Amino acid sequence: MKIFGRAIKAVALATTAILTFAACATGSAGAADDSVLGASADNPIRIGVVNAEEPYRAVFAEAAREDGIYIEFVNFSEFPLVNQALAEGDLDMNQFQHLQFLANFNVATGENLTPIGATAVYPLGLYSFRWDSVAEFPEGAEIAIPNDPTNQARALLVLQDAGLLTLRDGGNSLSTPFDIIADQSRVSVIPVEAAMTAVSLSDVDGSIVNNSMIAQIGMSLADAIFADDPDSPAAEPYINVFVARAADAENPKFIRLVELFHTAPGVIDGLIESSAGTAAVRNNSAADLQRILSEIEANLASNR
């Protein structure tokens, strides 16, 4: 389903941060392999990301090259464009999103992008300038939460796990503020743009703030009053993944790249360091990830 057409390629090229490595001289004997995807620096596997500058990516690319696979990271500034570029064939894989985000894209567009490997879950935290513990939040306290569908539901689940509110039917990854049972909840929520959750802390009792934004307030996940459990079933929709087109899900080079991500020295350590120690590494099988995705997509479709 071509939403952006060739404009995607122009955007991607305009924002590309490429990490490639020169091919070793192979002579005429290796020339026949240069046309195979990933076999040379001239024909690399193109992986869409939103933070190509992270140092661990260079470590990953070098490990892949040493294994005979050349990759190129293509950096995007807008999340939806990364999936559309993959769907249209301008990328070979991407690695920037969790399963809930992918499910939202597939259901909205009719695409069938497929997770082929896991990376990590990043816990989501509750922060406050006014209170030092969940128990201190008074009746009627106001908490800012992200207003985008993906993060809003997760924020509500965090607050429910913290014992601050109750969601209808226990809540799920599609919950909205309308699902809050007021007479069983101690707090109310104020949905705001995700980028505003951190800066709103001075005006509310607390905020649910994404990891990528807590540095704005001079905090880290260690300062969170409460955070969700990355090991719980409720965290499954938020497993970050490698994604390919369904037709390429069993490409042996792609599968090998997922393996190298988890086994090559320095890659996982670099991932954890880039997240300030917050990343909870996951290595679910492709089949498990596809099962979780199918369940989320089914829930989304039934609620449309």
C-alpha atoms as a PDB file:
ATOM      1  CA  MET A   1       0.000   0.000   0.000  1.00  0.00           C
ATOM      2  CA  LYS A   2       1.905   3.023  -1.228  1.00  0.00           C
ATOM      3  CA  ILE A   3       1.124   5.955   1.002  1.00  0.00           C
ATOM      4  CA  PHE A   4       4.179   8.105   0.500  1.00  0.00           C
ATOM      5  CA  GLY A   5       5.450   6.729  -2.816  1.00  0.00           C
ATOM      6  CA  ARG A   6       8.911   7.689  -3.887  1.00  0.00           C
ATOM      7  CA  ALA A   7       8.918  10.616  -1.459  1.00  0.00           C
ATOM      8  CA  ILE A   8      10.059   8.110   1.153  1.00  0.00           C
ATOM      9  CA  LYS A   9      13.250   7.427  -0.705  1.00  0.00           C
ATOM     10  CA  ALA A  10      13.974  11.142  -0.894  1.00  0.00           C
ATOM     11  CA  VAL A  11      13.361  11.566   2.831  1.00  0.00           C
ATOM     12  CA  ALA A  12      15.489   8.568   3.694  1.00  0.00           C
ATOM     13  CA  LEU A  13      18.376   9.753   1.555  1.00  0.00           C
ATOM     14  CA  ALA A  14      18.141  13.212   3.035  1.00  0.00           C
ATOM     15  CA  THR A  15      18.420  11.869   6.569  1.00  0.00           C
ATOM     16  CA  THR A  16      20.716   8.910   6.010  1.00  0.00           C
ATOM     17  CA  ALA A  17      23.557   8.197   8.375  1.00  0.00           C
ATOM     18  CA  ILE A  18      25.446   5.355   6.757  1.00  0.00           C
ATOM     19  CA  LEU A  19      27.838   3.008   8.455  1.00  0.00           C
ATOM     20  CA  THR A  20      29.570   0.900   5.853  1.00  0.00           C
ATOM     21  CA  PHE A  21      32.876  -0.802   5.700  1.00  0.00           C
ATOM     22  CA  ALA A  22      35.161  -1.195   2.719  1.00  0.00           C
ATOM     23  CA  ALA A  23      35.236  -4.649   1.213  1.00  0.00           C
ATOM     24  CA  CYS A  24      38.439  -6.606   1.346  1.00  0.00           C
ATOM     25  CA  ALA A  25      39.955  -7.243  -2.069  1.00  0.00           C
ATOM     26  CA  THR A  26      38.493 -10.464  -3.370  1.00  0.00           C
ATOM     27  CA  GLY A  27      39.835 -10.589  -6.902  1.00  0.00           C
ATOM     28  CA  SER A  28      37.881 -12.048  -9.796  1.00  0.00           C
ATOM     29  CA  ALA A  29      37.047 -15.189  -7.835  1.00  0.00           C
ATOM     30  CA  GLY A  30      34.694 -13.229  -5.557  1.00  0.00           C
ATOM     31  CA  ALA A  31      33.187 -10.985  -8.224  1.00  0.00           C
ATOM     32  CA  ALA A  32      30.283 -13.312  -8.944  1.00  0.00           C
ATOM     33  CA  ASP A  33      29.063 -12.950  -5.373  1.00  0.00           C
ATOM     34  CA  ASP A  34      28.932  -9.140  -5.409  1.00  0.00           C
ATOM     35  CA  SER A  35      25.384  -9.137  -6.777  1.00  0.00           C
ATOM     36  CA  VAL A  36      24.096 -11.133  -3.794  1.00  0.00           C
ATOM     37  CA  LEU A  37      22.416  -8.978  -1.153  1.00  0.00           C
ATOM     38  CA  GLY A  38      24.861  -8.306   1.668  1.00  0.00           C
ATOM     39  CA  ALA A  39      27.814  -9.854  -0.159  1.00  0.00           C
ATOM     40  CA  SER A  40      29.666  -6.584  -0.726  1.00  0.00           C
ATOM     41  CA  ALA A  41      29.795  -2.970   0.396  1.00  0.00           C
ATOM     42  CA  ASP A  42      28.239  -2.054  -2.956  1.00  0.00           C
ATOM     43  CA  ASN A  43      25.166  -4.206  -2.275  1.00  0.00           C
ATOM     44  CA  PRO A  44      24.631  -4.120   1.501  1.00  0.00           C
ATOM     45  CA  ILE A  45      21.622  -5.135   3.533  1.00  0.00           C
ATOM     46  CA  ARG A  46      19.884  -1.817   4.258  1.00  0.00           C
ATOM     47  CA  ILE A  47      18.516  -1.549   7.799  1.00  0.00           C
ATOM     48  CA  GLY A  48      16.251   1.367   8.725  1.00  0.00           C
ATOM     49  CA  VAL A  49      16.814   2.909  12.170  1.00  0.00           C
ATOM     50  CA  VAL A  50      16.122   6.149  14.011  1.00  0.00           C
ATOM     51  CA  ASN A  51      19.423   6.480  15.871  1.00  0.00           C
ATOM     52  CA  ALA A  52      22.189   5.320  13.554  1.00  0.00           C
ATOM     53  CA  GLU A  53      24.757   7.286  15.547  1.00  0.00           C
ATOM     54  CA  GLU A  54      24.636   4.895  18.517  1.00  0.00           C
ATOM     55  CA  PRO A  55      28.183   3.467  18.862  1.00  0.00           C
ATOM     56  CA  TYR A  56      27.011  -0.134  19.253  1.00  0.00           C
ATOM     57  CA  ARG A  57      25.709  -0.067  15.675  1.00  0.00           C
ATOM     58  CA  ALA A  58      29.234   0.335  14.321  1.00  0.00           C
ATOM     59  CA  VAL A  59      30.323  -2.637  16.453  1.00  0.00           C
ATOM     60  CA  PHE A  60      27.428  -4.668  15.047  1.00  0.00           C
ATOM     61  CA  ALA A  61      28.219  -3.683  11.449  1.00  0.00           C
ATOM     62  CA  GLU A  62      31.872  -4.644  11.867  1.00  0.00           C
ATOM     63  CA  ALA A  63      30.940  -8.007  13.401  1.00  0.00           C
ATOM     64  CA  ALA A  64      28.631  -8.657  10.464  1.00  0.00           C
ATOM     65  CA  ARG A  65      31.356  -7.734   7.969  1.00  0.00           C
ATOM     66  CA  GLU A  66      33.764 -10.128   9.634  1.00  0.00           C
ATOM     67  CA  ASP A  67      31.078 -12.784   9.202  1.00  0.00           C
ATOM     68  CA  GLY A  68      30.834 -11.955   5.499  1.00  0.00           C
ATOM     69  CA  ILE A  69      27.695  -9.793   5.624  1.00  0.00           C
ATOM     70  CA  TYR A  70      27.732  -6.101   4.734  1.00  0.00           C
ATOM     71  CA  ILE A  71      25.075  -3.841   6.248  1.00  0.00           C
ATOM     72  CA  GLU A  72      24.159  -0.188   5.928  1.00  0.00           C
ATOM     73  CA  PHE A  73      22.134   1.754   8.469  1.00  0.00           C
ATOM     74  CA  VAL A  74      19.666   4.237   6.995  1.00  0.00           C
ATOM     75  CA  ASN A  75      18.603   6.839   9.533  1.00  0.00           C
ATOM     76  CA  PHE A  76      15.081   8.299   9.633  1.00  0.00           C
ATOM     77  CA  SER A  77      13.678  11.183  11.656  1.00  0.00           C
ATOM     78  CA  GLU A  78      10.025  10.043  11.468  1.00  0.00           C
ATOM     79  CA  PHE A  79       8.991   6.630  12.797  1.00  0.00           C
ATOM     80  CA  PRO A  80       6.158   5.806  10.326  1.00  0.00           C
ATOM     81  CA  LEU A  81       8.452   6.351   7.343  1.00  0.00           C
ATOM     82  CA  VAL A  82      10.756   3.513   8.423  1.00  0.00           C
ATOM     83  CA  ASN A  83       8.031   0.893   8.102  1.00  0.00           C
ATOM     84  CA  GLN A  84       6.661   2.304   4.858  1.00  0.00           C
ATOM     85  CA  ALA A  85      10.145   2.344   3.317  1.00  0.00           C
ATOM     86  CA  LEU A  86      10.536  -1.332   4.237  1.00  0.00           C
ATOM     87  CA  ALA A  87       7.114  -2.202   2.826  1.00  0.00           C
ATOM     88  CA  GLU A  88       7.963  -0.473  -0.467  1.00  0.00           C
ATOM     89  CA  GLY A  89      11.332  -2.190  -0.837  1.00  0.00           C
ATOM     90  CA  ASP A  90      13.593   0.779  -0.138  1.00  0.00           C
ATOM     91  CA  LEU A  91      14.930  -1.087   2.904  1.00  0.00           C
ATOM     92  CA  ASP A  92      15.664  -4.751   3.549  1.00  0.00           C
ATOM     93  CA  MET A  93      15.030  -4.727   7.318  1.00  0.00           C
ATOM     94  CA  ASN A  94      14.396  -2.257  10.102  1.00  0.00           C
ATOM     95  CA  GLN A  95      15.154  -2.152  13.803  1.00  0.00           C
ATOM     96  CA  PHE A  96      13.596   0.688  15.772  1.00  0.00           C
ATOM     97  CA  GLN A  97      10.174  -0.355  17.111  1.00  0.00           C
ATOM     98  CA  HIS A  98       8.339  -2.616  19.490  1.00  0.00           C
ATOM     99  CA  LEU A  99       5.624  -5.087  18.552  1.00  0.00           C
ATOM    100  CA  GLN A 100       2.733  -2.796  19.505  1.00  0.00           C
ATOM    101  CA  PHE A 101       3.980  -0.095  17.125  1.00  0.00           C
ATOM    102  CA  LEU A 102       4.442  -2.665  14.353  1.00  0.00           C
ATOM    103  CA  ALA A 103       0.940  -4.059  14.902  1.00  0.00           C
ATOM    104  CA  ASN A 104      -0.570  -0.576  14.692  1.00  0.00           C
ATOM    105  CA  PHE A 105       1.199  -0.016  11.372  1.00  0.00           C
ATOM    106  CA  ASN A 106       0.210  -3.367   9.864  1.00  0.00           C
ATOM    107  CA  VAL A 107      -3.452  -3.047  10.811  1.00  0.00           C
ATOM    108  CA  ALA A 108      -3.678   0.580   9.662  1.00  0.00           C
ATOM    109  CA  THR A 109      -2.016  -0.034   6.298  1.00  0.00           C
ATOM    110  CA  GLY A 110      -2.859  -3.633   5.471  1.00  0.00           C
ATOM    111  CA  GLU A 111       0.847  -4.515   5.309  1.00  0.00           C
ATOM    112  CA  ASN A 112       2.339  -7.726   6.704  1.00  0.00           C
ATOM    113  CA  LEU A 113       5.739  -6.710   8.039  1.00  0.00           C
ATOM    114  CA  THR A 114       7.119  -9.497  10.201  1.00  0.00           C
ATOM    115  CA  PRO A 115       9.330  -9.614  13.328  1.00  0.00           C
ATOM    116  CA  ILE A 116      12.308 -11.949  12.918  1.00  0.00           C
ATOM    117  CA  GLY A 117      14.272 -11.265  16.104  1.00  0.00           C
ATOM    118  CA  ALA A 118      14.127  -9.454  19.437  1.00  0.00           C
ATOM    119  CA  THR A 119      16.448  -6.853  20.974  1.00  0.00           C
ATOM    120  CA  ALA A 120      15.190  -5.457  24.290  1.00  0.00           C
ATOM    121  CA  VAL A 121      12.360  -4.106  26.397  1.00  0.00           C
ATOM    122  CA  TYR A 122      12.825  -0.608  27.820  1.00  0.00           C
ATOM    123  CA  PRO A 123      10.961  -0.151  31.129  1.00  0.00           C
ATOM    124  CA  LEU A 124       8.580   2.807  31.348  1.00  0.00           C
ATOM    125  CA  GLY A 125       8.782   4.858  34.534  1.00  0.00           C
ATOM    126  CA  LEU A 126       6.692   7.123  36.769  1.00  0.00           C
ATOM    127  CA  TYR A 127       8.521  10.246  37.980  1.00  0.00           C
ATOM    128  CA  SER A 128       7.652  13.049  40.396  1.00  0.00           C
ATOM    129  CA  PHE A 129       9.155  16.227  41.783  1.00  0.00           C
ATOM    130  CA  ARG A 130       6.587  16.287  44.616  1.00  0.00           C
ATOM    131  CA  TRP A 131       6.442  12.748  45.976  1.00  0.00           C
ATOM    132  CA  ASP A 132       9.059  10.137  46.816  1.00  0.00           C
ATOM    133  CA  SER A 133       6.906   7.005  46.652  1.00  0.00           C
ATOM    134  CA  VAL A 134       3.687   5.693  45.157  1.00  0.00           C
ATOM    135  CA  ALA A 135       2.141   5.584  48.631  1.00  0.00           C
ATOM    136  CA  GLU A 136       2.512   9.369  48.988  1.00  0.00           C
ATOM    137  CA  PHE A 137       0.332  10.255  45.997  1.00  0.00           C
ATOM    138  CA  PRO A 138      -2.849  11.850  47.420  1.00  0.00           C
ATOM    139  CA  GLU A 139      -6.402  11.173  46.348  1.00  0.00           C
ATOM    140  CA  GLY A 140      -7.082  13.141  43.168  1.00  0.00           C
ATOM    141  CA  ALA A 141      -3.420  13.496  42.208  1.00  0.00           C
ATOM    142  CA  GLU A 142      -2.852  14.377  38.548  1.00  0.00           C
ATOM    143  CA  ILE A 143      -0.423  12.393  36.416  1.00  0.00           C
ATOM    144  CA  ALA A 144       0.655  13.337  32.900  1.00  0.00           C
ATOM    145  CA  ILE A 145       0.808  10.481  30.390  1.00  0.00           C
ATOM    146  CA  PRO A 146       1.743  10.351  26.685  1.00  0.00           C
ATOM    147  CA  ASN A 147      -1.285  10.854  24.444  1.00  0.00           C
ATOM    148  CA  ASP A 148      -0.198   8.681  21.501  1.00  0.00           C
ATOM    149  CA  PRO A 149      -2.066   5.343  21.382  1.00  0.00           C
ATOM    150  CA  THR A 150       1.014   3.150  21.697  1.00  0.00           C
ATOM    151  CA  ASN A 151       2.478   4.775  24.810  1.00  0.00           C
ATOM    152  CA  GLN A 152      -0.800   5.885  26.380  1.00  0.00           C
ATOM    153  CA  ALA A 153      -2.065   2.348  26.969  1.00  0.00           C
ATOM    154  CA  ARG A 154       1.281   1.272  28.364  1.00  0.00           C
ATOM    155  CA  ALA A 155       1.353   4.278  30.723  1.00  0.00           C
ATOM    156  CA  LEU A 156      -2.100   3.354  32.045  1.00  0.00           C
ATOM    157  CA  LEU A 157      -0.924  -0.209  32.673  1.00  0.00           C
ATOM    158  CA  VAL A 158       2.099   1.136  34.591  1.00  0.00           C
ATOM    159  CA  LEU A 159      -0.189   3.222  36.805  1.00  0.00           C
ATOM    160  CA  GLN A 160      -2.447   0.224  37.366  1.00  0.00           C
ATOM    161  CA  ASP A 161       0.532  -1.956  38.307  1.00  0.00           C
ATOM    162  CA  ALA A 162       1.554   0.773  40.748  1.00  0.00           C
ATOM    163  CA  GLY A 163      -1.873   0.562  42.404  1.00  0.00           C
ATOM    164  CA  LEU A 164      -2.849   4.115  41.468  1.00  0.00           C
ATOM    165  CA  LEU A 165      -5.775   3.322  39.188  1.00  0.00           C
ATOM    166  CA  THR A 166      -7.936   0.467  37.950  1.00  0.00           C
ATOM    167  CA  LEU A 167      -8.735  -0.273  34.306  1.00  0.00           C
ATOM    168  CA  ARG A 168     -11.871  -1.937  32.999  1.00  0.00           C
ATOM    169  CA  ASP A 169     -11.383  -5.705  32.495  1.00  0.00           C
ATOM    170  CA  GLY A 170      -7.819  -5.422  33.737  1.00  0.00           C
ATOM    171  CA  GLY A 171      -6.657  -3.274  30.841  1.00  0.00           C
ATOM    172  CA  ASN A 172      -4.583  -4.179  27.806  1.00  0.00           C
ATOM    173  CA  SER A 173      -2.307  -2.621  25.206  1.00  0.00           C
ATOM    174  CA  LEU A 174      -5.308  -0.804  23.695  1.00  0.00           C
ATOM    175  CA  SER A 175      -6.606   0.810  26.909  1.00  0.00           C
ATOM    176  CA  THR A 176      -7.506   4.527  26.947  1.00  0.00           C
ATOM    177  CA  PRO A 177      -8.375   6.951  29.767  1.00  0.00           C
ATOM    178  CA  PHE A 178     -12.033   6.061  29.143  1.00  0.00           C
ATOM    179  CA  ASP A 179     -11.249   2.621  30.580  1.00  0.00           C
ATOM    180  CA  ILE A 180     -10.288   4.045  33.988  1.00  0.00           C
ATOM    181  CA  ILE A 181     -12.747   3.058  36.724  1.00  0.00           C
ATOM    182  CA  ALA A 182     -12.894   6.363  38.591  1.00  0.00           C
ATOM    183  CA  ASP A 183     -14.309   5.151  41.895  1.00  0.00           C
ATOM    184  CA  GLN A 184     -11.557   2.525  42.127  1.00  0.00           C
ATOM    185  CA  SER A 185      -8.715   4.904  41.233  1.00  0.00           C
ATOM    186  CA  ARG A 186      -6.681   7.294  43.354  1.00  0.00           C
ATOM    187  CA  VAL A 187      -5.366   9.469  40.546  1.00  0.00           C
ATOM    188  CA  SER A 188      -6.542  11.107  37.331  1.00  0.00           C
ATOM    189  CA  VAL A 189      -4.525  11.342  34.138  1.00  0.00           C
ATOM    190  CA  ILE A 190      -3.745  14.227  31.799  1.00  0.00           C
ATOM    191  CA  PRO A 191      -2.802  13.039  28.278  1.00  0.00           C
ATOM    192  CA  VAL A 192      -0.152  15.284  26.690  1.00  0.00           C
ATOM    193  CA  GLU A 193       2.295  15.041  23.820  1.00  0.00           C
ATOM    194  CA  ALA A 194       4.989  12.525  24.732  1.00  0.00           C
ATOM    195  CA  ALA A 195       7.655  15.220  24.472  1.00  0.00           C
ATOM    196  CA  MET A 196       5.776  17.258  27.114  1.00  0.00           C
ATOM    197  CA  THR A 197       5.586  14.580  29.805  1.00  0.00           C
ATOM    198  CA  ALA A 198       9.007  15.460  31.199  1.00  0.00           C
ATOM    199  CA  VAL A 199       8.634  19.239  31.107  1.00  0.00           C
ATOM    200  CA  SER A 200       5.147  18.964  32.658  1.00  0.00           C
ATOM    201  CA  LEU A 201       6.531  17.517  35.891  1.00  0.00           C
ATOM    202  CA  SER A 202       6.585  20.905  37.600  1.00  0.00           C
ATOM    203  CA  ASP A 203       2.839  21.316  37.029  1.00  0.00           C
ATOM    204  CA  VAL A 204       1.527  17.868  37.992  1.00  0.00           C
ATOM    205  CA  ASP A 205       1.966  15.311  40.748  1.00  0.00           C
ATOM    206  CA  GLY A 206       3.771  12.914  38.452  1.00  0.00           C
ATOM    207  CA  SER A 207       4.483  11.941  34.852  1.00  0.00           C
ATOM    208  CA  ILE A 208       5.016   8.772  32.879  1.00  0.00           C
ATOM    209  CA  VAL A 209       8.129   9.612  30.851  1.00  0.00           C
ATOM    210  CA  ASN A 210       9.787   7.608  28.075  1.00  0.00           C
ATOM    211  CA  ASN A 211      13.434   6.691  28.661  1.00  0.00           C
ATOM    212  CA  SER A 212      14.583   8.798  25.741  1.00  0.00           C
ATOM    213  CA  MET A 213      13.175  11.933  27.394  1.00  0.00           C
ATOM    214  CA  ILE A 214      14.073  11.631  31.062  1.00  0.00           C
ATOM    215  CA  ALA A 215      17.483  13.232  30.497  1.00  0.00           C
ATOM    216  CA  GLN A 216      15.587  16.487  29.883  1.00  0.00           C
ATOM    217  CA  ILE A 217      14.819  16.617  33.607  1.00  0.00           C
ATOM    218  CA  GLY A 218      18.218  15.439  34.780  1.00  0.00           C
ATOM    219  CA  MET A 219      16.932  12.017  35.801  1.00  0.00           C
ATOM    220  CA  SER A 220      17.445   8.381  34.878  1.00  0.00           C
ATOM    221  CA  LEU A 221      15.323   5.258  35.285  1.00  0.00           C
ATOM    222  CA  ALA A 222      16.954   4.808  38.701  1.00  0.00           C
ATOM    223  CA  ASP A 223      15.028   7.928  39.806  1.00  0.00           C
ATOM    224  CA  ALA A 224      11.653   6.497  38.841  1.00  0.00           C
ATOM    225  CA  ILE A 225       9.159   6.027  41.665  1.00  0.00           C
ATOM    226  CA  PHE A 226       7.807   3.008  39.809  1.00  0.00           C
ATOM    227  CA  ALA A 227       8.474   1.231  36.501  1.00  0.00           C
ATOM    228  CA  ASP A 228       6.837  -1.654  34.705  1.00  0.00           C
ATOM    229  CA  ASP A 229       8.323  -5.136  34.906  1.00  0.00           C
ATOM    230  CA  PRO A 230      10.038  -6.052  31.609  1.00  0.00           C
ATOM    231  CA  ASP A 231       9.644  -9.745  32.515  1.00  0.00           C
ATOM    232  CA  SER A 232       5.866  -9.651  32.876  1.00  0.00           C
ATOM    233  CA  PRO A 233       3.457 -10.856  30.167  1.00  0.00           C
ATOM    234  CA  ALA A 234       2.134  -7.283  30.015  1.00  0.00           C
ATOM    235  CA  ALA A 235       5.520  -6.197  28.640  1.00  0.00           C
ATOM    236  CA  GLU A 236       5.396  -8.556  25.639  1.00  0.00           C
ATOM    237  CA  PRO A 237       3.853  -5.989  23.247  1.00  0.00           C
ATOM    238  CA  TYR A 238       6.791  -3.700  24.012  1.00  0.00           C
ATOM    239  CA  ILE A 239       9.575  -6.057  22.945  1.00  0.00           C
ATOM    240  CA  ASN A 240      11.695  -4.209  20.386  1.00  0.00           C
ATOM    241  CA  VAL A 241      12.342  -6.184  17.230  1.00  0.00           C
ATOM    242  CA  PHE A 242      14.131  -6.673  13.936  1.00  0.00           C
ATOM    243  CA  VAL A 243      11.537  -6.549  11.145  1.00  0.00           C
ATOM    244  CA  ALA A 244      11.491  -7.766   7.538  1.00  0.00           C
ATOM    245  CA  ARG A 245       8.910  -8.219   4.811  1.00  0.00           C
ATOM    246  CA  ALA A 246       7.027 -11.491   5.283  1.00  0.00           C
ATOM    247  CA  ALA A 247       8.567 -12.951   2.111  1.00  0.00           C
ATOM    248  CA  ASP A 248      12.060 -12.400   3.570  1.00  0.00           C
ATOM    249  CA  ALA A 249      11.382 -13.632   7.102  1.00  0.00           C
ATOM    250  CA  GLU A 250      13.502 -16.756   6.609  1.00  0.00           C
ATOM    251  CA  ASN A 251      16.339 -15.117   4.691  1.00  0.00           C
ATOM    252  CA  PRO A 252      19.432 -16.867   6.140  1.00  0.00           C
ATOM    253  CA  LYS A 253      21.498 -13.663   6.160  1.00  0.00           C
ATOM    254  CA  PHE A 254      18.794 -11.842   8.099  1.00  0.00           C
ATOM    255  CA  ILE A 255      18.551 -14.685  10.592  1.00  0.00           C
ATOM    256  CA  ARG A 256      22.320 -14.673  10.954  1.00  0.00           C
ATOM    257  CA  LEU A 257      22.313 -10.928  11.657  1.00  0.00           C
ATOM    258  CA  VAL A 258      19.871 -11.461  14.535  1.00  0.00           C
ATOM    259  CA  GLU A 259      22.190 -14.150  15.917  1.00  0.00           C
ATOM    260  CA  LEU A 260      25.219 -11.875  15.616  1.00  0.00           C
ATOM    261  CA  PHE A 261      23.379  -9.068  17.375  1.00  0.00           C
ATOM    262  CA  HIS A 262      23.146 -11.278  20.454  1.00  0.00           C
ATOM    263  CA  THR A 263      26.469 -13.112  20.229  1.00  0.00           C
ATOM    264  CA  ALA A 264      29.061 -10.755  18.715  1.00  0.00           C
ATOM    265  CA  PRO A 265      31.293  -9.251  21.442  1.00  0.00           C
ATOM    266  CA  GLY A 266      30.389  -5.708  22.419  1.00  0.00           C
ATOM    267  CA  VAL A 267      27.017  -5.382  20.698  1.00  0.00           C
ATOM    268  CA  ILE A 268      24.684  -6.163  23.601  1.00  0.00           C
ATOM    269  CA  ASP A 269      27.003  -4.383  26.059  1.00  0.00           C
ATOM    270  CA  GLY A 270      26.856  -1.329  23.790  1.00  0.00           C
ATOM    271  CA  LEU A 271      23.076  -1.510  23.551  1.00  0.00           C
ATOM    272  CA  ILE A 272      22.774  -1.548  27.347  1.00  0.00           C
ATOM    273  CA  GLU A 273      25.260   1.297  27.702  1.00  0.00           C
ATOM    274  CA  SER A 274      23.395   3.419  25.142  1.00  0.00           C
ATOM    275  CA  SER A 275      20.227   3.008  27.209  1.00  0.00           C
ATOM    276  CA  ALA A 276      21.985   4.078  30.415  1.00  0.00           C
ATOM    277  CA  GLY A 277      21.557   0.551  31.711  1.00  0.00           C
ATOM    278  CA  THR A 278      17.786   0.421  31.267  1.00  0.00           C
ATOM    279  CA  ALA A 279      17.526  -2.064  28.383  1.00  0.00           C
ATOM    280  CA  ALA A 280      16.259  -5.507  29.396  1.00  0.00           C
ATOM    281  CA  VAL A 281      17.670  -7.716  26.646  1.00  0.00           C
ATOM    282  CA  ARG A 282      15.294 -10.152  24.975  1.00  0.00           C
ATOM    283  CA  ASN A 283      16.032 -12.983  22.531  1.00  0.00           C
ATOM    284  CA  ASN A 284      12.585 -14.436  21.800  1.00  0.00           C
ATOM    285  CA  SER A 285      12.284 -16.742  18.823  1.00  0.00           C
ATOM    286  CA  ALA A 286      10.791 -15.414  15.598  1.00  0.00           C
ATOM    287  CA  ALA A 287       7.819 -17.749  16.082  1.00  0.00           C
ATOM    288  CA  ASP A 288       7.146 -16.368  19.564  1.00  0.00           C
ATOM    289  CA  LEU A 289       7.351 -12.768  18.346  1.00  0.00           C
ATOM    290  CA  GLN A 290       5.020 -13.518  15.454  1.00  0.00           C
ATOM    291  CA  ARG A 291       2.534 -15.104  17.854  1.00  0.00           C
ATOM    292  CA  ILE A 292       2.535 -12.005  20.061  1.00  0.00           C
ATOM    293  CA  LEU A 293       2.167  -9.750  17.018  1.00  0.00           C
ATOM    294  CA  SER A 294      -0.776 -11.767  15.711  1.00  0.00           C
ATOM    295  CA  GLU A 295      -2.551 -11.465  19.051  1.00  0.00           C
ATOM    296  CA  ILE A 296      -2.063  -7.693  19.144  1.00  0.00           C
ATOM    297  CA  GLU A 297      -3.227  -7.314  15.540  1.00  0.00           C
ATOM    298  CA  ALA A 298      -6.324  -9.388  16.247  1.00  0.00           C
ATOM    299  CA  ASN A 299      -7.183  -7.148  19.218  1.00  0.00           C
ATOM    300  CA  LEU A 300      -6.624  -4.033  17.139  1.00  0.00           C
ATOM    301  CA  ALA A 301      -8.759  -5.322  14.282  1.00  0.00           C
ATOM    302  CA  SER A 302     -11.621  -6.216  16.623  1.00  0.00           C
ATOM    303  CA  ASN A 303     -11.571  -2.714  18.092  1.00  0.00           C
ATOM    304  CA  ARG A 304     -11.601  -0.826  14.787  1.00  0.00           C
END
